[in-house]
PDB file of N, CA and C in Angstrom:
ATOM      1  N   MET A   1      17.199 -63.638 -17.938  1.00  0.00           N
ATOM      2  CA  MET A   1      17.630 -62.246 -18.136  1.00  0.00           C
ATOM      3  C   MET A   1      17.604 -62.081 -19.584  1.00  0.00           C
ATOM      4  N   ASP A   2      16.863 -61.149 -20.103  1.00  0.00           N
ATOM      5  CA  ASP A   2      16.797 -60.908 -21.536  1.00  0.00           C
ATOM      6  C   ASP A   2      17.787 -59.939 -21.996  1.00  0.00           C
ATOM      7  N   THR A   3      17.928 -59.605 -23.218  1.00  0.00           N
ATOM      8  CA  THR A   3      18.959 -58.655 -23.799  1.00  0.00           C
ATOM      9  C   THR A   3      18.844 -57.257 -23.272  1.00  0.00           C
ATOM     10  N   ASN A   4      17.695 -56.739 -23.195  1.00  0.00           N
ATOM     11  CA  ASN A   4      17.405 -55.472 -22.750  1.00  0.00           C
ATOM     12  C   ASN A   4      17.874 -55.148 -21.251  1.00  0.00           C
ATOM     13  N   ALA A   5      17.624 -56.154 -20.467  1.00  0.00           N
ATOM     14  CA  ALA A   5      18.080 -56.050 -19.040  1.00  0.00           C
ATOM     15  C   ALA A   5      19.565 -56.248 -18.922  1.00  0.00           C
ATOM     16  N   PHE A   6      20.195 -57.120 -19.782  1.00  0.00           N
ATOM     17  CA  PHE A   6      21.634 -57.284 -19.818  1.00  0.00           C
ATOM     18  C   PHE A   6      22.306 -55.899 -20.259  1.00  0.00           C
ATOM     19  N   MET A   7      21.754 -55.241 -21.326  1.00  0.00           N
ATOM     20  CA  MET A   7      22.295 -54.028 -21.818  1.00  0.00           C
ATOM     21  C   MET A   7      22.153 -52.922 -20.796  1.00  0.00           C
ATOM     22  N   GLY A   8      21.079 -52.877 -20.162  1.00  0.00           N
ATOM     23  CA  GLY A   8      20.834 -51.931 -19.121  1.00  0.00           C
ATOM     24  C   GLY A   8      21.827 -52.059 -18.002  1.00  0.00           C
ATOM     25  N   LEU A   9      22.033 -53.253 -17.492  1.00  0.00           N
ATOM     26  CA  LEU A   9      23.042 -53.482 -16.372  1.00  0.00           C
ATOM     27  C   LEU A   9      24.432 -53.197 -16.922  1.00  0.00           C
ATOM     28  N   LEU A  10      24.822 -53.549 -18.093  1.00  0.00           N
ATOM     29  CA  LEU A  10      26.118 -53.255 -18.683  1.00  0.00           C
ATOM     30  C   LEU A  10      26.300 -51.755 -18.694  1.00  0.00           C
ATOM     31  N   ILE A  11      25.348 -50.963 -19.279  1.00  0.00           N
ATOM     32  CA  ILE A  11      25.437 -49.578 -19.347  1.00  0.00           C
ATOM     33  C   ILE A  11      25.633 -48.973 -17.991  1.00  0.00           C
ATOM     34  N   GLY A  12      24.772 -49.488 -17.121  1.00  0.00           N
ATOM     35  CA  GLY A  12      24.843 -48.999 -15.642  1.00  0.00           C
ATOM     36  C   GLY A  12      26.178 -49.226 -14.990  1.00  0.00           C
ATOM     37  N   ALA A  13      26.690 -50.368 -15.296  1.00  0.00           N
ATOM     38  CA  ALA A  13      28.082 -50.783 -14.708  1.00  0.00           C
ATOM     39  C   ALA A  13      29.166 -49.909 -15.344  1.00  0.00           C
ATOM     40  N   LEU A  14      29.077 -49.666 -16.657  1.00  0.00           N
ATOM     41  CA  LEU A  14      30.001 -48.788 -17.379  1.00  0.00           C
ATOM     42  C   LEU A  14      30.000 -47.324 -16.770  1.00  0.00           C
ATOM     43  N   VAL A  15      28.777 -46.923 -16.529  1.00  0.00           N
ATOM     44  CA  VAL A  15      28.691 -45.534 -16.020  1.00  0.00           C
ATOM     45  C   VAL A  15      29.260 -45.433 -14.633  1.00  0.00           C
ATOM     46  N   VAL A  16      29.000 -46.461 -13.821  1.00  0.00           N
ATOM     47  CA  VAL A  16      29.581 -46.545 -12.416  1.00  0.00           C
ATOM     48  C   VAL A  16      31.108 -46.608 -12.523  1.00  0.00           C
ATOM     49  N   ILE A  17      31.618 -47.481 -13.380  1.00  0.00           N
ATOM     50  CA  ILE A  17      33.131 -47.611 -13.561  1.00  0.00           C
ATOM     51  C   ILE A  17      33.788 -46.172 -13.954  1.00  0.00           C
ATOM     52  N   PHE A  18      33.106 -45.583 -15.045  1.00  0.00           N
ATOM     53  CA  PHE A  18      33.775 -44.337 -15.526  1.00  0.00           C
ATOM     54  C   PHE A  18      33.561 -43.255 -14.469  1.00  0.00           C
ATOM     55  N   GLY A  19      32.465 -43.279 -13.692  1.00  0.00           N
ATOM     56  CA  GLY A  19      32.348 -42.286 -12.588  1.00  0.00           C
ATOM     57  C   GLY A  19      33.301 -42.536 -11.502  1.00  0.00           C
ATOM     58  N   LEU A  20      33.547 -43.804 -11.175  1.00  0.00           N
ATOM     59  CA  LEU A  20      34.652 -44.054 -10.276  1.00  0.00           C
ATOM     60  C   LEU A  20      35.969 -43.770 -10.767  1.00  0.00           C
ATOM     61  N   ALA A  21      36.291 -43.922 -11.949  1.00  0.00           N
ATOM     62  CA  ALA A  21      37.499 -43.624 -12.540  1.00  0.00           C
ATOM     63  C   ALA A  21      37.676 -41.977 -12.445  1.00  0.00           C
ATOM     64  N   ALA A  22      36.618 -41.285 -12.805  1.00  0.00           N
ATOM     65  CA  ALA A  22      36.694 -39.838 -12.805  1.00  0.00           C
ATOM     66  C   ALA A  22      36.922 -39.356 -11.400  1.00  0.00           C
ATOM     67  N   THR A  23      36.227 -40.019 -10.413  1.00  0.00           N
ATOM     68  CA  THR A  23      36.418 -39.604  -9.016  1.00  0.00           C
ATOM     69  C   THR A  23      37.843 -39.807  -8.527  1.00  0.00           C
ATOM     70  N   ILE A  24      38.378 -40.960  -8.888  1.00  0.00           N
ATOM     71  CA  ILE A  24      39.774 -41.292  -8.545  1.00  0.00           C
ATOM     72  C   ILE A  24      40.640 -40.326  -9.086  1.00  0.00           C
ATOM     73  N   VAL A  25      40.454 -39.998 -10.383  1.00  0.00           N
ATOM     74  CA  VAL A  25      41.325 -38.895 -11.009  1.00  0.00           C
ATOM     75  C   VAL A  25      41.259 -37.531 -10.362  1.00  0.00           C
ATOM     76  N   THR A  26      39.966 -37.192 -10.019  1.00  0.00           N
ATOM     77  CA  THR A  26      39.828 -36.020  -9.275  1.00  0.00           C
ATOM     78  C   THR A  26      40.335 -35.896  -7.849  1.00  0.00           C
ATOM     79  N   ILE A  27      40.257 -37.046  -7.212  1.00  0.00           N
ATOM     80  CA  ILE A  27      40.634 -37.062  -5.714  1.00  0.00           C
ATOM     81  C   ILE A  27      42.125 -37.277  -5.618  1.00  0.00           C
ATOM     82  N   ILE A  28      42.656 -38.134  -6.434  1.00  0.00           N
ATOM     83  CA  ILE A  28      44.052 -38.703  -6.189  1.00  0.00           C
ATOM     84  C   ILE A  28      45.051 -38.041  -7.259  1.00  0.00           C
ATOM     85  N   VAL A  29      44.736 -38.159  -8.553  1.00  0.00           N
ATOM     86  CA  VAL A  29      45.771 -37.846  -9.578  1.00  0.00           C
ATOM     87  C   VAL A  29      45.930 -36.299  -9.663  1.00  0.00           C
ATOM     88  N   LYS A  30      44.826 -35.500  -9.748  1.00  0.00           N
ATOM     89  CA  LYS A  30      44.995 -34.054  -9.751  1.00  0.00           C
ATOM     90  C   LYS A  30      45.810 -33.384  -8.642  1.00  0.00           C
ATOM     91  N   PRO A  31      45.467 -33.842  -7.429  1.00  0.00           N
ATOM     92  CA  PRO A  31      46.321 -33.258  -6.339  1.00  0.00           C
ATOM     93  C   PRO A  31      47.828 -33.623  -6.445  1.00  0.00           C
ATOM     94  N   ILE A  32      48.061 -34.810  -6.903  1.00  0.00           N
ATOM     95  CA  ILE A  32      49.485 -35.308  -7.048  1.00  0.00           C
ATOM     96  C   ILE A  32      50.073 -34.367  -8.146  1.00  0.00           C
ATOM     97  N   ILE A  33      49.470 -34.124  -9.306  1.00  0.00           N
ATOM     98  CA  ILE A  33      50.029 -33.294 -10.274  1.00  0.00           C
ATOM     99  C   ILE A  33      50.101 -31.803  -9.859  1.00  0.00           C
ATOM    100  N   ASN A  34      49.169 -31.320  -9.011  1.00  0.00           N
ATOM    101  CA  ASN A  34      49.371 -30.018  -8.472  1.00  0.00           C
ATOM    102  C   ASN A  34      50.545 -29.980  -7.506  1.00  0.00           C
ATOM    103  N   LEU A  35      50.686 -30.960  -6.768  1.00  0.00           N
ATOM    104  CA  LEU A  35      51.824 -31.090  -5.731  1.00  0.00           C
ATOM    105  C   LEU A  35      53.145 -31.131  -6.459  1.00  0.00           C
ATOM    106  N   ASN A  36      53.215 -31.889  -7.523  1.00  0.00           N
ATOM    107  CA  ASN A  36      54.527 -31.877  -8.355  1.00  0.00           C
ATOM    108  C   ASN A  36      54.801 -30.556  -8.931  1.00  0.00           C
ATOM    109  N   ARG A  37      53.793 -29.877  -9.362  1.00  0.00           N
ATOM    110  CA  ARG A  37      53.998 -28.496 -10.018  1.00  0.00           C
ATOM    111  C   ARG A  37      54.483 -27.577  -8.949  1.00  0.00           C
ATOM    112  N   SER A  38      53.886 -27.663  -7.647  1.00  0.00           N
ATOM    113  CA  SER A  38      54.217 -26.787  -6.597  1.00  0.00           C
ATOM    114  C   SER A  38      55.705 -27.089  -6.154  1.00  0.00           C
ATOM    115  N   ILE A  39      56.011 -28.345  -6.132  1.00  0.00           N
ATOM    116  CA  ILE A  39      57.466 -28.740  -5.774  1.00  0.00           C
ATOM    117  C   ILE A  39      58.386 -28.178  -6.768  1.00  0.00           C
ATOM    118  N   ALA A  40      58.063 -28.273  -7.996  1.00  0.00           N
ATOM    119  CA  ALA A  40      59.014 -27.799  -9.074  1.00  0.00           C
ATOM    120  C   ALA A  40      59.220 -26.364  -8.957  1.00  0.00           C
ATOM    121  N   GLU A  41      58.156 -25.548  -8.676  1.00  0.00           N
ATOM    122  CA  GLU A  41      58.213 -24.113  -8.496  1.00  0.00           C
ATOM    123  C   GLU A  41      59.009 -23.774  -7.269  1.00  0.00           C
ATOM    124  N   LEU A  42      58.859 -24.523  -6.137  1.00  0.00           N
ATOM    125  CA  LEU A  42      59.615 -24.272  -5.011  1.00  0.00           C
ATOM    126  C   LEU A  42      61.076 -24.584  -5.189  1.00  0.00           C
ATOM    127  N   ASN A  43      61.375 -25.612  -5.990  1.00  0.00           N
ATOM    128  CA  ASN A  43      62.846 -25.931  -6.262  1.00  0.00           C
ATOM    129  C   ASN A  43      63.427 -24.776  -7.104  1.00  0.00           C
ATOM    130  N   LEU A  44      62.646 -24.159  -8.004  1.00  0.00           N
ATOM    131  CA  LEU A  44      63.225 -23.065  -8.781  1.00  0.00           C
ATOM    132  C   LEU A  44      63.448 -21.881  -7.974  1.00  0.00           C
ATOM    133  N   ASN A  45      62.521 -21.641  -6.999  1.00  0.00           N
ATOM    134  CA  ASN A  45      62.639 -20.513  -6.047  1.00  0.00           C
ATOM    135  C   ASN A  45      63.844 -20.628  -5.116  1.00  0.00           C
ATOM    136  N   ILE A  46      63.910 -21.853  -4.739  1.00  0.00           N
ATOM    137  CA  ILE A  46      65.131 -22.230  -3.770  1.00  0.00           C
ATOM    138  C   ILE A  46      66.497 -21.998  -4.475  1.00  0.00           C
ATOM    139  N   LYS A  47      66.459 -22.503  -5.765  1.00  0.00           N
ATOM    140  CA  LYS A  47      67.668 -22.370  -6.472  1.00  0.00           C
ATOM    141  C   LYS A  47      68.066 -20.898  -6.732  1.00  0.00           C
ATOM    142  N   GLY A  48      67.017 -20.070  -7.100  1.00  0.00           N
ATOM    143  CA  GLY A  48      67.221 -18.573  -7.179  1.00  0.00           C
ATOM    144  C   GLY A  48      67.746 -17.919  -6.033  1.00  0.00           C
ATOM    145  N   LEU A  49      67.180 -18.410  -4.873  1.00  0.00           N
ATOM    146  CA  LEU A  49      67.574 -17.797  -3.550  1.00  0.00           C
ATOM    147  C   LEU A  49      69.001 -18.172  -3.233  1.00  0.00           C
ATOM    148  N   ASN A  50      69.409 -19.407  -3.539  1.00  0.00           N
ATOM    149  CA  ASN A  50      70.696 -19.818  -3.334  1.00  0.00           C
ATOM    150  C   ASN A  50      71.831 -19.061  -4.149  1.00  0.00           C
ATOM    151  N   GLU A  51      71.328 -18.797  -5.377  1.00  0.00           N
ATOM    152  CA  GLU A  51      72.253 -18.033  -6.260  1.00  0.00           C
ATOM    153  C   GLU A  51      72.406 -16.629  -5.742  1.00  0.00           C
ATOM    154  N   LYS A  52      71.332 -16.027  -5.361  1.00  0.00           N
ATOM    155  CA  LYS A  52      71.361 -14.595  -4.787  1.00  0.00           C
ATOM    156  C   LYS A  52      72.202 -14.590  -3.552  1.00  0.00           C
ATOM    157  N   ASN A  53      72.048 -15.620  -2.787  1.00  0.00           N
ATOM    158  CA  ASN A  53      72.799 -15.746  -1.408  1.00  0.00           C
ATOM    159  C   ASN A  53      74.238 -15.839  -1.696  1.00  0.00           C
ATOM    160  N   SER A  54      74.655 -16.669  -2.670  1.00  0.00           N
ATOM    161  CA  SER A  54      76.042 -16.842  -3.064  1.00  0.00           C
ATOM    162  C   SER A  54      76.614 -15.490  -3.550  1.00  0.00           C
ATOM    163  N   ASN A  55      75.825 -14.773  -4.319  1.00  0.00           N
ATOM    164  CA  ASN A  55      76.272 -13.471  -4.835  1.00  0.00           C
ATOM    165  C   ASN A  55      76.472 -12.462  -3.619  1.00  0.00           C
ATOM    166  N   LEU A  56      75.465 -12.448  -2.779  1.00  0.00           N
ATOM    167  CA  LEU A  56      75.608 -11.640  -1.618  1.00  0.00           C
ATOM    168  C   LEU A  56      76.765 -11.986  -0.725  1.00  0.00           C
ATOM    169  N   GLU A  57      77.023 -13.243  -0.640  1.00  0.00           N
ATOM    170  CA  GLU A  57      78.282 -13.661   0.160  1.00  0.00           C
ATOM    171  C   GLU A  57      79.543 -13.205  -0.382  1.00  0.00           C
ATOM    172  N   SER A  58      79.622 -13.345  -1.678  1.00  0.00           N
ATOM    173  CA  SER A  58      80.906 -12.978  -2.340  1.00  0.00           C
ATOM    174  C   SER A  58      81.076 -11.390  -2.213  1.00  0.00           C
ATOM    175  N   ARG A  59      79.927 -10.582  -2.383  1.00  0.00           N
ATOM    176  CA  ARG A  59      80.025  -9.237  -2.187  1.00  0.00           C
ATOM    177  C   ARG A  59      80.421  -8.712  -0.803  1.00  0.00           C
ATOM    178  N   ILE A  60      79.847  -9.549   0.192  1.00  0.00           N
ATOM    179  CA  ILE A  60      80.069  -9.164   1.611  1.00  0.00           C
ATOM    180  C   ILE A  60      81.593  -9.458   1.848  1.00  0.00           C
ATOM    181  N   ASN A  61      82.130 -10.632   1.378  1.00  0.00           N
ATOM    182  CA  ASN A  61      83.462 -10.929   1.558  1.00  0.00           C
ATOM    183  C   ASN A  61      84.359  -9.939   0.936  1.00  0.00           C
ATOM    184  N   LYS A  62      83.967  -9.529  -0.293  1.00  0.00           N
ATOM    185  CA  LYS A  62      84.893  -8.478  -0.925  1.00  0.00           C
ATOM    186  C   LYS A  62      84.842  -7.150  -0.076  1.00  0.00           C
ATOM    187  N   HIS A  63      83.668  -6.846   0.355  1.00  0.00           N
ATOM    188  CA  HIS A  63      83.575  -5.532   1.168  1.00  0.00           C
ATOM    189  C   HIS A  63      84.338  -5.711   2.537  1.00  0.00           C
ATOM    190  N   GLY A  64      84.280  -6.851   3.073  1.00  0.00           N
ATOM    191  CA  GLY A  64      85.102  -7.154   4.345  1.00  0.00           C
ATOM    192  C   GLY A  64      86.539  -6.964   4.048  1.00  0.00           C
ATOM    193  N   GLU A  65      87.121  -7.461   2.955  1.00  0.00           N
ATOM    194  CA  GLU A  65      88.456  -7.324   2.588  1.00  0.00           C
ATOM    195  C   GLU A  65      88.767  -5.823   2.361  1.00  0.00           C
ATOM    196  N   GLN A  66      87.880  -5.062   1.758  1.00  0.00           N
ATOM    197  CA  GLN A  66      88.091  -3.620   1.664  1.00  0.00           C
ATOM    198  C   GLN A  66      88.141  -2.923   2.945  1.00  0.00           C
ATOM    199  N   ILE A  67      87.284  -3.318   3.852  1.00  0.00           N
ATOM    200  CA  ILE A  67      87.231  -2.698   5.147  1.00  0.00           C
ATOM    201  C   ILE A  67      88.498  -3.046   5.801  1.00  0.00           C
ATOM    202  N   ASP A  68      89.052  -4.245   5.853  1.00  0.00           N
ATOM    203  CA  ASP A  68      90.223  -4.609   6.528  1.00  0.00           C
ATOM    204  C   ASP A  68      91.383  -3.814   5.898  1.00  0.00           C
ATOM    205  N   GLN A  69      91.383  -3.622   4.597  1.00  0.00           N
ATOM    206  CA  GLN A  69      92.598  -2.807   3.930  1.00  0.00           C
ATOM    207  C   GLN A  69      92.396  -1.447   4.450  1.00  0.00           C
ATOM    208  N   THR A  70      91.188  -0.873   4.514  1.00  0.00           N
ATOM    209  CA  THR A  70      90.978   0.419   5.039  1.00  0.00           C
ATOM    210  C   THR A  70      91.534   0.684   6.376  1.00  0.00           C
ATOM    211  N   LEU A  71      91.190  -0.173   7.292  1.00  0.00           N
ATOM    212  CA  LEU A  71      91.652  -0.210   8.656  1.00  0.00           C
ATOM    213  C   LEU A  71      93.195  -0.191   8.743  1.00  0.00           C
ATOM    214  N   ILE A  72      93.827  -1.019   7.889  1.00  0.00           N
ATOM    215  CA  ILE A  72      95.279  -1.007   7.764  1.00  0.00           C
ATOM    216  C   ILE A  72      95.802   0.355   7.413  1.00  0.00           C
ATOM    217  N   ASN A  73      95.215   0.835   6.349  1.00  0.00           N
ATOM    218  CA  ASN A  73      95.584   2.259   5.978  1.00  0.00           C
ATOM    219  C   ASN A  73      95.416   3.312   6.948  1.00  0.00           C
ATOM    220  N   VAL A  74      94.310   3.225   7.741  1.00  0.00           N
ATOM    221  CA  VAL A  74      94.022   4.165   8.774  1.00  0.00           C
ATOM    222  C   VAL A  74      95.150   4.096   9.848  1.00  0.00           C
ATOM    223  N   GLU A  75      95.445   2.858  10.201  1.00  0.00           N
ATOM    224  CA  GLU A  75      96.539   2.653  11.301  1.00  0.00           C
ATOM    225  C   GLU A  75      97.891   3.222  10.807  1.00  0.00           C
ATOM    226  N   LYS A  76      98.222   2.952   9.468  1.00  0.00           N
ATOM    227  CA  LYS A  76      99.504   3.565   8.883  1.00  0.00           C
ATOM    228  C   LYS A  76      99.347   5.184   8.977  1.00  0.00           C
ATOM    229  N   HIS A  77      98.317   5.653   8.634  1.00  0.00           N
ATOM    230  CA  HIS A  77      98.219   7.086   8.619  1.00  0.00           C
ATOM    231  C   HIS A  77      98.184   7.676  10.087  1.00  0.00           C
ATOM    232  N   ASP A  78      97.569   6.861  10.932  1.00  0.00           N
ATOM    233  CA  ASP A  78      97.566   7.451  12.371  1.00  0.00           C
ATOM    234  C   ASP A  78      99.027   7.461  12.907  1.00  0.00           C
ATOM    235  N   LEU A  79      99.801   6.427  12.576  1.00  0.00           N
ATOM    236  CA  LEU A  79     101.180   6.331  13.048  1.00  0.00           C
ATOM    237  C   LEU A  79     101.979   7.548  12.283  1.00  0.00           C
ATOM    238  N   ILE A  80     101.785   7.706  11.098  1.00  0.00           N
ATOM    239  CA  ILE A  80     102.433   8.858  10.425  1.00  0.00           C
ATOM    240  C   ILE A  80     102.035  10.191  11.103  1.00  0.00           C
ATOM    241  N   LEU A  81     100.821  10.312  11.413  1.00  0.00           N
ATOM    242  CA  LEU A  81     100.305  11.538  12.143  1.00  0.00           C
ATOM    243  C   LEU A  81     100.887  11.802  13.421  1.00  0.00           C
ATOM    244  N   LYS A  82     101.033  10.673  14.156  1.00  0.00           N
ATOM    245  CA  LYS A  82     101.709  10.805  15.455  1.00  0.00           C
ATOM    246  C   LYS A  82     103.170  11.209  15.288  1.00  0.00           C
ATOM    247  N   ASN A  83     103.836  10.605  14.386  1.00  0.00           N
ATOM    248  CA  ASN A  83     105.167  11.052  14.089  1.00  0.00           C
ATOM    249  C   ASN A  83     105.271  12.461  13.693  1.00  0.00           C
ATOM    250  N   HIS A  84     104.411  12.902  12.833  1.00  0.00           N
ATOM    251  CA  HIS A  84     104.410  14.374  12.554  1.00  0.00           C
ATOM    252  C   HIS A  84     104.109  15.210  13.778  1.00  0.00           C
ATOM    253  N   ASP A  85     103.216  14.791  14.626  1.00  0.00           N
ATOM    254  CA  ASP A  85     102.957  15.530  15.799  1.00  0.00           C
ATOM    255  C   ASP A  85     104.173  15.680  16.750  1.00  0.00           C
ATOM    256  N   LYS A  86     104.957  14.521  16.804  1.00  0.00           N
ATOM    257  CA  LYS A  86     106.177  14.462  17.633  1.00  0.00           C
ATOM    258  C   LYS A  86     107.190  15.449  16.937  1.00  0.00           C
ATOM    259  N   ASP A  87     107.301  15.347  15.681  1.00  0.00           N
ATOM    260  CA  ASP A  87     108.334  16.307  14.983  1.00  0.00           C
ATOM    261  C   ASP A  87     107.852  17.716  15.198  1.00  0.00           C
ATOM    262  N   ILE A  88     106.612  18.082  15.092  1.00  0.00           N
ATOM    263  CA  ILE A  88     106.157  19.477  15.285  1.00  0.00           C
ATOM    264  C   ILE A  88     106.502  19.881  16.760  1.00  0.00           C
ATOM    265  N   THR A  89     106.175  18.981  17.768  1.00  0.00           N
ATOM    266  CA  THR A  89     106.372  19.293  19.084  1.00  0.00           C
ATOM    267  C   THR A  89     107.956  19.582  19.405  1.00  0.00           C
ATOM    268  N   TYR A  90     108.744  18.689  18.796  1.00  0.00           N
ATOM    269  CA  TYR A  90     110.143  18.775  18.811  1.00  0.00           C
ATOM    270  C   TYR A  90     110.630  20.155  18.347  1.00  0.00           C
ATOM    271  N   LEU A  91     110.191  20.393  17.159  1.00  0.00           N
ATOM    272  CA  LEU A  91     110.548  21.688  16.508  1.00  0.00           C
ATOM    273  C   LEU A  91     110.159  22.887  17.247  1.00  0.00           C
ATOM    274  N   LYS A  92     108.980  22.856  17.747  1.00  0.00           N
ATOM    275  CA  LYS A  92     108.478  23.927  18.596  1.00  0.00           C
ATOM    276  C   LYS A  92     109.409  24.111  19.852  1.00  0.00           C
ATOM    277  N   GLU A  93     109.737  23.104  20.509  1.00  0.00           N
ATOM    278  CA  GLU A  93     110.584  23.175  21.721  1.00  0.00           C
ATOM    279  C   GLU A  93     111.947  23.598  21.392  1.00  0.00           C
ATOM    280  N   HIS A  94     112.585  23.212  20.301  1.00  0.00           N
ATOM    281  CA  HIS A  94     113.943  23.624  20.011  1.00  0.00           C
ATOM    282  C   HIS A  94     114.021  24.819  19.089  1.00  0.00           C
ATOM    283  N   SER A  95     112.981  25.473  18.727  1.00  0.00           N
ATOM    284  CA  SER A  95     113.001  26.727  18.016  1.00  0.00           C
ATOM    285  C   SER A  95     113.084  27.960  18.849  1.00  0.00           C
ATOM    286  N   ARG A  96     112.939  27.797  20.138  1.00  0.00           N
ATOM    287  CA  ARG A  96     112.845  28.939  21.127  1.00  0.00           C
ATOM    288  C   ARG A  96     114.159  29.314  21.459  1.00  0.00           C
TER     289      ARG A  96
END
């Protein structure tokens, strides 16, 4: 084997090795990088959704407490109204 044949085989082998490396990067490494990027974006989105959900839960709890207090007030006013109705009925009956 002379020097020219050796250099030809060496260059051919290097081209094949670099081509194989480029193929491995394209097939394996790039999808992994894209997957990592997608996972990071999903994590950010989930974190944002969790924060919004917590905010909504606290607002719902606050509104629930306000509704409960309003119902208590309505019951109190209903009792007062019934007492007033009884008083008016009593006054009508005894004013004759």
